[in-house]
Protein backbone atom coordinates (compact mmCIF):
# COMPACT_ATOMS: atom_id res chain seq x y z
CA MET A 1 75.98 -29.79 25.83
CA PHE A 2 77.68 -32.51 23.89
CA HIS A 3 76.27 -30.75 20.96
CA ALA A 4 78.62 -27.31 21.52
CA LYS A 5 81.43 -29.96 22.03
CA PHE A 6 81.13 -32.05 19.14
CA SER A 7 81.34 -28.97 17.15
CA THR A 8 84.23 -27.85 18.52
CA TYR A 9 85.83 -30.61 17.35
CA ARG A 10 84.10 -30.65 14.28
CA LEU A 11 85.30 -27.52 13.39
CA ALA A 12 88.52 -27.82 14.20
CA LEU A 13 88.90 -30.42 12.21
CA LEU A 14 87.17 -29.02 9.52
CA ALA A 15 89.31 -26.16 9.44
CA GLY A 16 92.46 -28.59 9.89
CA ALA A 17 91.87 -30.18 6.45
CA ALA A 18 91.43 -26.45 4.74
CA SER A 19 95.01 -25.91 5.93
CA LEU A 20 96.33 -29.10 4.87
CA THR A 21 94.74 -28.32 1.23
CA MET A 22 96.21 -24.92 1.49
CA ALA A 23 99.80 -26.35 2.42
CA VAL A 24 99.27 -28.96 -0.76
CA ALA A 25 97.36 -27.03 -3.08
CA ALA A 26 100.99 -24.46 -4.31
CA PRO A 27 100.66 -22.10 -7.66
CA ALA A 28 102.62 -23.32 -10.67
CA SER A 29 105.83 -21.37 -9.95
CA ALA A 30 106.10 -22.17 -6.12
CA GLY A 31 108.98 -24.40 -6.91
CA VAL A 32 110.64 -21.81 -8.98
CA SER A 33 113.20 -18.48 -8.20
CA TRP A 34 113.54 -15.85 -10.92
CA GLY A 35 115.95 -12.86 -11.26
CA SER A 36 117.19 -10.63 -13.75
CA THR A 37 119.84 -8.55 -14.93
CA PRO A 38 118.95 -5.14 -16.73
CA GLY A 39 119.76 -4.92 -20.40
CA GLY A 40 122.12 -2.87 -22.51
CA GLY A 41 125.55 -2.27 -23.23
CA ASN A 42 126.51 -5.59 -25.71
CA PRO A 43 125.79 -5.87 -28.99
CA ASN A 44 125.58 -9.89 -28.87
CA GLY A 45 122.73 -9.17 -26.27
CA LEU A 46 123.54 -10.44 -22.19
CA SER A 47 123.94 -13.84 -22.07
CA SER A 48 123.88 -16.47 -19.15
CA SER A 49 127.09 -16.73 -16.63
CA GLN A 50 125.93 -20.26 -15.48
CA ALA A 51 128.53 -22.96 -15.85
CA GLY A 52 127.29 -26.24 -17.54
CA THR A 53 124.40 -24.71 -19.30
CA THR A 54 123.84 -24.22 -23.14
CA THR A 55 123.11 -21.49 -24.84
CA ILE A 56 120.82 -20.88 -28.46
CA ASP A 57 122.01 -17.20 -29.51
CA PHE A 58 120.36 -17.54 -33.28
CA ASN A 59 123.31 -15.51 -34.96
CA SER A 60 123.43 -18.28 -37.59
CA GLY A 61 120.03 -18.45 -38.33
CA ALA A 62 119.20 -21.52 -36.53
CA ALA A 63 116.78 -22.54 -33.29
CA PRO A 64 117.49 -26.08 -32.39
CA GLY A 65 114.37 -27.28 -30.67
CA PHE A 66 112.20 -24.52 -31.66
CA ALA A 67 108.83 -24.70 -33.05
CA GLY A 68 106.72 -21.82 -34.30
CA GLY A 69 107.48 -18.06 -34.28
CA ALA A 70 111.16 -17.27 -36.19
CA VAL A 71 114.54 -15.72 -36.14
CA THR A 72 114.05 -11.94 -36.90
CA GLY A 73 116.79 -8.79 -37.21
CA PRO A 74 119.40 -7.71 -36.83
CA GLY A 75 117.32 -4.74 -36.11
CA THR A 76 113.92 -3.76 -35.52
CA THR A 77 110.99 -3.66 -37.82
CA SER A 78 108.34 -1.34 -36.85
CA GLY A 79 105.01 -2.59 -35.88
CA GLN A 80 106.42 -6.14 -36.16
CA TYR A 81 109.63 -6.88 -33.83
CA ALA A 82 112.02 -4.87 -31.83
CA GLN A 83 115.59 -6.08 -31.11
CA PRO A 84 116.29 -6.38 -27.18
CA LEU A 85 118.25 -3.34 -26.34
CA ASP A 86 121.59 -2.48 -27.80
CA ASP A 87 121.93 -6.34 -29.41
CA THR A 88 122.26 -5.47 -32.71
CA SER A 89 122.72 -9.47 -33.76
CA ARG A 90 119.93 -11.88 -34.73
CA TYR A 91 117.46 -13.17 -32.20
CA TYR A 92 113.97 -14.57 -31.47
CA SER A 93 110.19 -13.37 -31.87
CA VAL A 94 106.79 -14.81 -31.07
CA GLY A 95 103.70 -13.11 -31.97
CA PRO A 96 100.99 -12.59 -35.02
CA SER A 97 103.33 -11.38 -37.33
CA THR A 98 105.95 -15.01 -37.01
CA SER A 99 103.64 -16.85 -35.16
CA SER A 100 101.90 -17.58 -31.38
CA PRO A 101 102.75 -19.75 -29.19
CA SER A 102 106.40 -20.88 -29.66
CA THR A 103 107.58 -23.86 -28.48
CA LEU A 104 111.59 -25.16 -27.37
CA THR A 105 111.15 -28.94 -26.69
CA LEU A 106 114.31 -30.19 -25.06
CA GLY A 107 115.58 -33.81 -24.54
CA SER A 108 116.06 -34.34 -21.00
CA ALA A 109 114.74 -32.59 -17.87
CA ASN A 110 116.08 -28.95 -17.07
CA ASN A 111 115.85 -26.96 -13.64
CA TYR A 112 117.84 -23.77 -15.80
CA PHE A 113 116.29 -21.40 -18.10
CA GLY A 114 117.71 -18.13 -19.07
CA LEU A 115 116.62 -15.63 -21.97
CA TYR A 116 117.27 -12.04 -22.64
CA TRP A 117 113.99 -10.61 -22.96
CA GLY A 118 113.39 -8.02 -24.75
CA SER A 119 110.84 -4.74 -24.63
CA ILE A 120 109.01 -6.78 -21.66
CA ASP A 121 105.00 -6.11 -22.43
CA ALA A 122 102.16 -7.50 -19.72
CA TYR A 123 100.86 -10.01 -22.59
CA ASN A 124 104.11 -11.89 -23.03
CA THR A 125 104.28 -15.27 -21.35
CA ILE A 126 106.74 -17.74 -20.54
CA LYS A 127 105.44 -21.60 -19.75
CA PHE A 128 107.54 -24.30 -18.44
CA TYR A 129 106.12 -28.42 -19.05
CA ASN A 130 107.33 -31.22 -17.61
CA GLY A 131 105.95 -33.80 -20.00
CA ALA A 132 102.28 -32.73 -20.43
CA THR A 133 102.20 -30.83 -16.69
CA LEU A 134 102.44 -26.96 -16.80
CA VAL A 135 104.65 -26.46 -13.90
CA ALA A 136 105.05 -23.01 -14.06
CA SER A 137 103.67 -19.75 -16.06
CA PHE A 138 105.17 -16.07 -16.01
CA THR A 139 103.41 -12.76 -17.73
CA GLY A 140 106.27 -9.63 -18.20
CA LEU A 141 104.48 -8.00 -15.45
CA ASP A 142 105.43 -10.80 -13.51
CA ILE A 143 109.14 -9.77 -14.57
CA ASN A 144 108.57 -5.93 -14.33
CA ASP A 145 106.12 -3.63 -12.77
CA PRO A 146 105.68 -1.70 -15.41
CA ALA A 147 105.45 -4.41 -18.38
CA ASP A 148 104.98 -1.82 -20.88
CA GLY A 149 106.63 -2.95 -23.95
CA ASN A 150 109.69 0.00 -23.62
CA GLN A 151 112.16 -0.73 -26.03
CA SER A 152 115.00 1.58 -25.07
CA SER A 153 114.51 0.79 -20.82
CA SER A 154 117.12 -1.31 -19.68
CA ALA A 155 114.18 -1.82 -16.75
CA THR A 156 112.19 -3.65 -19.33
CA ASN A 157 114.90 -5.00 -21.50
CA ARG A 158 116.49 -7.52 -18.85
CA PHE A 159 118.26 -10.84 -18.88
CA VAL A 160 116.13 -13.01 -16.85
CA GLU A 161 116.87 -16.40 -14.84
CA PHE A 162 115.08 -19.20 -13.73
CA SER A 163 115.88 -21.69 -10.79
CA PHE A 164 113.77 -24.85 -10.48
CA THR A 165 114.13 -26.55 -6.09
CA GLY A 166 114.05 -29.58 -5.78
CA SER A 167 112.79 -32.29 -7.80
CA ASP A 168 111.03 -29.57 -10.33
CA ALA A 169 112.34 -29.50 -13.61
CA PHE A 170 110.90 -28.73 -16.91
CA THR A 171 111.03 -30.56 -20.43
CA SER A 172 110.06 -28.17 -23.01
CA VAL A 173 109.40 -24.24 -22.38
CA GLN A 174 106.09 -22.30 -24.42
CA PHE A 175 106.38 -18.98 -25.68
CA LEU A 176 103.43 -16.76 -26.12
CA SER A 177 102.04 -13.55 -27.65
CA THR A 178 98.83 -12.08 -28.15
CA GLN A 179 100.66 -8.78 -29.56
CA ASN A 180 103.71 -8.03 -31.62
CA ALA A 181 105.89 -9.25 -29.61
CA PHE A 182 107.95 -11.18 -27.61
CA GLU A 183 111.53 -11.32 -28.58
CA PHE A 184 114.49 -12.78 -26.84
CA ASP A 185 117.83 -13.52 -27.34
CA ASN A 186 120.86 -15.96 -26.20
CA VAL A 187 118.37 -18.46 -24.28
CA ALA A 188 120.30 -20.82 -21.65
CA PHE A 189 119.35 -24.00 -20.28
CA GLY A 190 120.37 -27.07 -18.68
CA LYS A 191 120.73 -29.32 -14.94
CA VAL A 192 122.89 -27.51 -12.84
CA GLY A 193 123.66 -27.99 -9.12
CA GLY A 194 122.28 -30.53 -6.62
CA GLY A 195 118.50 -30.90 -6.24
CA GLY A 196 116.73 -33.28 -3.64
CA PRO A 197 113.01 -33.68 -2.52
CA ASN A 198 111.36 -30.36 -2.11
CA VAL A 199 110.23 -29.19 1.37
CA PRO A 200 107.19 -27.36 2.54
CA GLU A 201 107.49 -23.50 2.33
CA PRO A 202 108.41 -21.75 5.27
CA ALA A 203 104.27 -20.41 5.09
CA SER A 204 103.15 -23.99 4.34
CA ALA A 205 104.59 -25.19 7.06
CA ALA A 206 103.33 -22.73 9.60
CA ILE A 207 99.77 -23.72 8.18
CA LEU A 208 100.54 -27.19 8.89
CA GLY A 209 101.81 -26.85 12.47
CA MET A 210 98.30 -24.56 13.47
CA SER A 211 96.65 -27.31 11.51
CA LEU A 212 98.09 -29.83 13.78
CA PHE A 213 97.70 -27.65 16.55
CA GLY A 214 94.16 -27.34 16.75
CA LEU A 215 93.27 -31.09 16.15
CA GLY A 216 95.49 -31.49 18.94
CA TRP A 217 93.66 -28.55 21.42
CA ALA A 218 90.14 -29.47 20.07
CA ARG A 219 91.27 -33.59 21.09
CA ARG A 220 92.08 -32.73 24.38
CA ARG A 221 89.16 -31.07 25.16
CA ARG A 222 86.96 -33.92 24.02
CA ASN A 223 89.05 -36.38 26.61
CA LYS A 224 88.69 -33.22 29.79
CA HIS A 225 85.15 -33.12 29.34
CA THR A 226 84.80 -37.18 28.77
CA VAL A 227 86.85 -37.83 31.74
C-alpha cells in the first residue's frame, strides 16, 4: 500500500520535472516572429518600411559588415546566381560560386531584420547569433513551402522580416547555401520598439500549470492517506 502511494507521488514528481524541462527548453526560433510580402514589381527590389532601421542595398557595390559571399548583378548569371524577381539593381549572393557561408557582423544588438530574399531554396539557411550563441535559424522551407527556387514566382521571391521579442536580440547574421545560390537585396536591421523580459509562451505556461497541479494532487493524496 505504501509502495503504491509512493510510486504515484514519484511519478507525479517525474511528470512535473519533465514538464518544467519542456517549458524552458524552447527551440532556437521561439523568441522570433516573422512574416513576408510577395515580391515583384520594383526594379530596386522590395525594402523595409520599418522606422529606425538601416538598409544596405548593395547598389554602390559595397557590402559593409559582410564577410564571404559577394555583391553580384545586375542581372542573372546562369548556373551561378539569379536576380530576385524584377530586381534590376545589384544584390548579394552566397553559395559555391561566391563562397559560403557569409556573415554580417553588426556593431550592436538588434531585434529587427529584413531582406528581399530571391528565388527561395530549401538549401538556403539564415542564422542569427547573439555573440557566439545561436538564437534562431531558418531554412527557405520555413519561409515558403515549396522552396523550389522558382525565379519568376512572387511566392518564392519575398521580402522577409524577423522580429525578436522581449529581451532576445542578435549581433550577427549568417547566410549559408550548399548550392548556387542564396540571393538577397535590401538588407535592413535595427533596434526598434520597446522590449522587456520574455514571458512564457501560452503552451509552455499551460504545461507549467499542469505540472504544478499534478504535484499538488499527489501531495494531497499522500497527506490524506497518512492522517
